[in-house]
């Protein structure tokens, strides 16, 4: 029976962990995102000193420093980090001055830890006082507790980000300053130095026309609405952004965005209404004065 990769890794890790090779090789990973950052207290020299001092105090081997200059932490795909991950082996240790040097956020760090656990790599983050060690081939109880706390904090971070984003979007909508391409029937205008959304009368007439037909027949199809609208455009009674015809998908988007079917009440059809008491015939008129 063949040995699985997991079982093999576990056997190799235990051979390092329980035969006097607990510490393996030690690597200090340092990174700065920009040249400016390197001058503001988080230079690679500062990080290197912190890692070396920690190793001295805790009687760890002299660390091999892996330097990642001017590389953003927004991605885990970094040249020097990739080289480090290719050379580490079970029982090795990675030390960083701060979790932020290794990962952009808690979620990325937890994903990184999951990968390192399969290789039995010890991870130490000095600033956060995180030390992921192993006992009998498994993460220590203290390490498990730390990861549980980090996982909870990661979810908290995600929830907070989502709430802040939604709150900001809601405010932009209320203020009429949401930065997106205006939908049909709207446009941006500058008012007191701010972009605000205002209605376009010519396009609002098209929306009124579609609403009128949906109110008459709540089950009217998009295809029929499109044909009716195109007849109005060909006759010159309505305009659609200087185009000669409108596509079904465009009509569907107008109906969906403006929630026209949400107000599809049945009304009498004024187009077919004639006066029986007089010889006069009513003039067909739609919303916004469309005849």
Protein backbone atom coordinates (compact mmCIF):
# COMPACT_ATOMS: atom_id res chain seq x y z
CA UNK A 1 0.00 0.00 0.00
CA UNK A 2 1.45 3.37 -1.02
CA UNK A 3 2.10 6.07 1.57
CA UNK A 4 0.00 9.22 1.20
CA UNK A 5 1.77 12.56 0.91
CA UNK A 6 0.17 13.62 4.21
CA UNK A 7 1.41 10.53 6.07
CA UNK A 8 4.86 10.97 4.57
CA UNK A 9 5.01 14.62 5.64
CA UNK A 10 3.83 13.68 9.13
CA UNK A 11 6.48 10.95 9.44
CA UNK A 12 9.23 13.29 8.23
CA UNK A 13 8.08 16.04 10.56
CA UNK A 14 8.16 13.73 13.54
CA UNK A 15 11.64 12.58 12.59
CA UNK A 16 12.75 16.20 12.89
CA UNK A 17 10.61 17.09 15.88
CA UNK A 18 11.38 14.10 18.10
CA UNK A 19 15.01 13.28 17.32
CA UNK A 20 16.76 16.38 18.49
CA UNK A 21 16.04 18.56 15.45
CA UNK A 22 13.21 20.56 16.94
CA UNK A 23 14.41 23.90 15.63
CA UNK A 24 15.61 22.98 12.13
CA UNK A 25 16.58 26.06 10.12
CA UNK A 26 15.36 29.51 11.09
CA UNK A 27 14.37 32.10 8.49
CA UNK A 28 13.62 35.74 9.11
CA UNK A 29 11.33 37.21 6.48
CA UNK A 30 11.43 41.00 6.05
CA UNK A 31 9.41 43.16 3.67
CA UNK A 32 8.63 46.79 2.92
CA UNK A 33 5.97 47.97 0.49
CA UNK A 34 7.59 51.26 -0.52
CA UNK A 35 10.82 53.18 -0.14
CA UNK A 36 8.92 55.70 2.00
CA UNK A 37 7.81 52.95 4.36
CA UNK A 38 11.41 51.85 4.83
CA UNK A 39 12.19 55.29 6.28
CA UNK A 40 9.29 55.33 8.74
CA UNK A 41 10.33 52.79 11.35
CA UNK A 42 9.64 49.54 9.50
CA UNK A 43 12.81 49.33 7.42
CA UNK A 44 14.18 45.91 6.59
CA UNK A 45 17.20 46.65 8.79
CA UNK A 46 14.88 47.27 11.75
CA UNK A 47 12.97 44.08 11.04
CA UNK A 48 16.20 42.14 10.72
CA UNK A 49 17.44 43.41 14.08
CA UNK A 50 14.19 42.41 15.79
CA UNK A 51 14.36 38.88 14.36
CA UNK A 52 18.03 38.43 15.26
CA UNK A 53 17.49 39.74 18.80
CA UNK A 54 14.60 37.32 19.32
CA UNK A 55 16.72 34.38 18.16
CA UNK A 56 19.53 35.38 20.51
CA UNK A 57 17.23 35.75 23.53
CA UNK A 58 15.48 32.41 22.88
CA UNK A 59 18.63 30.47 21.97
CA UNK A 60 17.51 29.83 18.40
CA UNK A 61 20.01 29.31 15.55
CA UNK A 62 21.25 32.33 13.63
CA UNK A 63 18.43 33.18 11.22
CA UNK A 64 18.83 33.38 7.46
CA UNK A 65 17.25 36.70 6.50
CA UNK A 66 15.05 36.75 3.40
CA UNK A 67 14.54 40.33 2.20
CA UNK A 68 11.58 41.39 0.03
CA UNK A 69 12.15 45.06 -0.92
CA UNK A 70 9.37 47.36 -2.21
CA UNK A 71 6.78 44.62 -2.73
CA UNK A 72 3.13 45.15 -1.79
CA UNK A 73 1.48 42.90 0.76
CA UNK A 74 -1.78 42.83 -1.23
CA UNK A 75 -0.66 39.55 -2.80
CA UNK A 76 0.96 36.44 -1.36
CA UNK A 77 2.63 35.82 -4.71
CA UNK A 78 6.01 37.43 -4.01
CA UNK A 79 9.36 36.38 -5.51
CA UNK A 80 11.39 36.05 -2.29
CA UNK A 81 8.53 34.54 -0.31
CA UNK A 82 8.04 31.94 -3.03
CA UNK A 83 11.75 31.09 -2.90
CA UNK A 84 11.51 30.70 0.86
CA UNK A 85 8.52 28.38 0.61
CA UNK A 86 10.38 26.21 -1.88
CA UNK A 87 13.36 25.68 0.43
CA UNK A 88 11.72 25.20 3.84
CA UNK A 89 11.36 21.70 5.26
CA UNK A 90 9.53 20.16 8.23
CA UNK A 91 10.83 21.51 11.53
CA UNK A 92 11.94 24.87 10.11
CA UNK A 93 10.87 28.20 11.58
CA UNK A 94 9.74 31.43 9.90
CA UNK A 95 9.98 34.61 11.99
CA UNK A 96 8.54 38.01 11.03
CA UNK A 97 8.59 41.24 13.00
CA UNK A 98 4.85 41.66 12.41
CA UNK A 99 1.99 39.69 10.89
CA UNK A 100 1.55 42.54 8.39
CA UNK A 101 4.97 41.75 6.89
CA UNK A 102 3.76 38.28 6.01
CA UNK A 103 0.10 38.76 5.06
CA UNK A 104 -2.22 41.61 4.17
CA UNK A 105 -4.88 40.62 6.67
CA UNK A 106 -5.88 37.98 9.17
CA UNK A 107 -7.68 35.86 6.57
CA UNK A 108 -4.58 35.65 4.33
CA UNK A 109 -2.46 34.79 7.36
CA UNK A 110 -4.79 31.96 8.37
CA UNK A 111 -4.69 30.56 4.84
CA UNK A 112 -0.89 30.72 4.97
CA UNK A 113 -0.87 28.92 8.32
CA UNK A 114 -3.09 26.16 6.93
CA UNK A 115 -0.50 25.55 4.23
CA UNK A 116 2.41 25.64 6.66
CA UNK A 117 0.70 23.21 9.08
CA UNK A 118 0.94 20.44 6.49
CA UNK A 119 4.73 20.99 6.45
CA UNK A 120 5.06 21.40 10.24
CA UNK A 121 6.58 24.87 9.91
CA UNK A 122 6.77 26.94 13.07
CA UNK A 123 5.61 30.55 12.57
CA UNK A 124 6.49 33.41 14.90
CA UNK A 125 5.08 36.96 14.63
CA UNK A 126 6.94 39.15 17.13
CA UNK A 127 4.65 42.17 17.37
CA UNK A 128 1.48 40.11 17.88
CA UNK A 129 3.30 37.60 20.14
CA UNK A 130 2.15 34.70 17.97
CA UNK A 131 4.17 31.47 18.22
CA UNK A 132 2.73 28.46 16.43
CA UNK A 133 4.55 25.44 17.85
CA UNK A 134 3.87 21.71 17.61
CA UNK A 135 3.41 19.01 20.24
CA UNK A 136 3.46 15.34 19.25
CA UNK A 137 3.09 16.22 15.60
CA UNK A 138 0.09 18.54 16.15
CA UNK A 139 -0.26 22.24 16.81
CA UNK A 140 0.07 22.98 20.50
CA UNK A 141 -3.06 23.82 22.46
CA UNK A 142 -1.81 27.40 22.83
CA UNK A 143 -1.32 27.68 19.05
CA UNK A 144 -4.81 26.30 18.41
CA UNK A 145 -6.27 28.87 20.81
CA UNK A 146 -4.38 31.68 19.04
CA UNK A 147 -5.67 30.57 15.65
CA UNK A 148 -9.23 30.36 16.97
CA UNK A 149 -8.97 33.93 18.22
CA UNK A 150 -7.50 35.05 14.91
CA UNK A 151 -10.27 33.30 12.98
CA UNK A 152 -12.88 35.12 15.06
CA UNK A 153 -11.10 38.41 14.50
CA UNK A 154 -10.90 37.69 10.76
CA UNK A 155 -14.68 37.28 10.62
CA UNK A 156 -15.05 40.49 12.64
CA UNK A 157 -12.79 42.31 10.15
CA UNK A 158 -14.85 41.02 7.22
CA UNK A 159 -18.14 42.05 8.85
CA UNK A 160 -16.81 45.50 9.71
CA UNK A 161 -15.52 46.05 6.18
CA UNK A 162 -18.85 44.95 4.72
CA UNK A 163 -20.78 47.26 7.05
CA UNK A 164 -18.51 50.25 6.32
CA UNK A 165 -18.78 49.67 2.57
CA UNK A 166 -22.58 49.36 2.68
CA UNK A 167 -22.88 52.42 4.90
CA UNK A 168 -20.74 54.48 2.51
CA UNK A 169 -22.71 53.26 -0.51
CA UNK A 170 -26.03 54.07 1.18
CA UNK A 171 -24.83 57.60 1.95
CA UNK A 172 -23.72 58.15 -1.66
CA UNK A 173 -27.11 56.97 -2.87
CA UNK A 174 -28.91 59.31 -0.45
CA UNK A 175 -26.71 62.23 -1.47
CA UNK A 176 -27.07 61.41 -5.16
CA UNK A 177 -23.28 61.21 -5.52
CA UNK A 178 -22.77 57.49 -6.14
CA UNK A 179 -19.88 57.20 -8.61
CA UNK A 180 -21.20 54.86 -11.28
CA UNK A 181 -22.28 55.31 -14.87
CA UNK A 182 -25.79 56.79 -14.70
CA UNK A 183 -28.63 54.47 -15.62
CA UNK A 184 -30.92 55.24 -18.53
CA UNK A 185 -33.10 58.16 -17.54
CA UNK A 186 -30.41 59.81 -15.41
CA UNK A 187 -27.28 61.89 -15.83
CA UNK A 188 -24.65 63.61 -13.72
CA UNK A 189 -24.65 67.36 -13.17
CA UNK A 190 -22.25 69.47 -11.16
CA UNK A 191 -23.94 71.32 -8.33
CA UNK A 192 -21.85 73.28 -5.86
CA UNK A 193 -18.77 71.35 -6.93
CA UNK A 194 -20.40 67.94 -6.45
CA UNK A 195 -21.67 65.41 -8.96
CA UNK A 196 -25.35 64.74 -8.47
CA UNK A 197 -27.77 62.52 -10.38
CA UNK A 198 -30.61 64.31 -12.14
CA UNK A 199 -33.37 62.96 -14.43
CA UNK A 200 -33.20 63.28 -18.23
CA UNK A 201 -36.66 64.37 -19.40
CA UNK A 202 -36.42 62.77 -22.86
CA UNK A 203 -35.38 59.42 -21.39
CA UNK A 204 -37.91 59.61 -18.58
CA UNK A 205 -40.61 59.75 -21.27
CA UNK A 206 -39.42 56.36 -22.54
CA UNK A 207 -39.63 54.94 -19.01
CA UNK A 208 -43.12 56.42 -18.62
CA UNK A 209 -44.18 54.80 -21.88
CA UNK A 210 -43.00 51.36 -20.75
CA UNK A 211 -44.64 51.84 -17.36
CA UNK A 212 -47.91 52.76 -19.04
CA UNK A 213 -48.03 49.48 -21.00
CA UNK A 214 -47.02 47.39 -17.97
CA UNK A 215 -49.81 49.00 -15.95
CA UNK A 216 -52.28 48.00 -18.66
CA UNK A 217 -50.96 44.44 -18.90
CA UNK A 218 -48.84 43.15 -16.04
CA UNK A 219 -47.92 40.06 -18.09
CA UNK A 220 -46.74 41.91 -21.17
CA UNK A 221 -43.49 40.42 -22.47
CA UNK A 222 -40.19 42.23 -22.89
CA UNK A 223 -40.33 41.37 -26.58
CA UNK A 224 -43.68 43.10 -27.03
CA UNK A 225 -42.54 46.12 -25.03
CA UNK A 226 -39.46 46.36 -27.24
CA UNK A 227 -41.55 46.24 -30.44
CA UNK A 228 -43.94 48.89 -29.15
CA UNK A 229 -41.08 51.16 -28.10
CA UNK A 230 -39.30 50.76 -31.44
CA UNK A 231 -42.50 51.77 -33.26
CA UNK A 232 -42.54 54.99 -31.22
CA UNK A 233 -38.86 55.61 -31.98
CA UNK A 234 -39.36 55.03 -35.74
CA UNK A 235 -42.32 57.40 -35.79
CA UNK A 236 -40.29 60.07 -33.98
CA UNK A 237 -42.58 60.22 -30.97
CA UNK A 238 -39.87 58.99 -28.61
CA UNK A 239 -36.09 59.07 -28.64
CA UNK A 240 -33.57 56.59 -27.27
CA UNK A 241 -30.15 58.25 -27.01
CA UNK A 242 -30.06 59.10 -30.74
CA UNK A 243 -30.41 55.41 -31.68
CA UNK A 244 -32.77 54.13 -34.35
CA UNK A 245 -33.89 51.14 -32.31
CA UNK A 246 -33.59 49.61 -28.87
CA UNK A 247 -32.61 46.04 -28.00
CA UNK A 248 -34.62 43.68 -25.79
CA UNK A 249 -31.83 43.55 -23.19
CA UNK A 250 -31.89 47.33 -22.90
CA UNK A 251 -35.63 47.33 -22.33
CA UNK A 252 -35.27 44.52 -19.79
CA UNK A 253 -32.64 46.53 -17.90
CA UNK A 254 -34.86 49.63 -17.83
CA UNK A 255 -37.78 47.61 -16.48
CA UNK A 256 -35.60 45.90 -13.87
CA UNK A 257 -33.72 48.97 -12.61
CA UNK A 258 -36.85 51.11 -12.36
CA UNK A 259 -38.86 48.22 -10.86
CA UNK A 260 -41.67 48.92 -13.31
CA UNK A 261 -43.36 45.56 -12.72
CA UNK A 262 -43.64 46.30 -9.01
CA UNK A 263 -46.36 48.82 -9.86
CA UNK A 264 -48.19 46.80 -12.52
CA UNK A 265 -51.79 47.61 -11.57
CA UNK A 266 -54.52 47.17 -14.15
CA UNK A 267 -55.93 50.40 -15.56
CA UNK A 268 -58.39 51.11 -18.34
CA UNK A 269 -56.87 51.50 -21.78
CA UNK A 270 -57.36 55.12 -22.85
CA UNK A 271 -56.20 54.29 -26.38
CA UNK A 272 -59.39 52.31 -27.09
CA UNK A 273 -61.74 54.50 -25.05
CA UNK A 274 -64.23 56.45 -27.17
CA UNK A 275 -67.08 58.63 -26.18
CA UNK A 276 -70.49 57.10 -26.93
CA UNK A 277 -72.44 60.15 -25.85
CA UNK A 278 -70.76 62.52 -28.32
CA UNK A 279 -69.16 62.25 -31.70
CA UNK A 280 -65.78 63.33 -30.29
CA UNK A 281 -63.05 60.74 -29.81
CA UNK A 282 -60.69 60.89 -26.86
CA UNK A 283 -57.08 61.69 -27.67
CA UNK A 284 -54.67 58.90 -26.68
CA UNK A 285 -52.29 60.24 -24.11
CA UNK A 286 -49.65 58.40 -22.11
CA UNK A 287 -47.63 59.39 -19.07
CA UNK A 288 -45.43 62.47 -19.45
CA UNK A 289 -47.65 63.69 -22.28
CA UNK A 290 -46.79 60.89 -24.72
CA UNK A 291 -49.45 60.58 -27.38
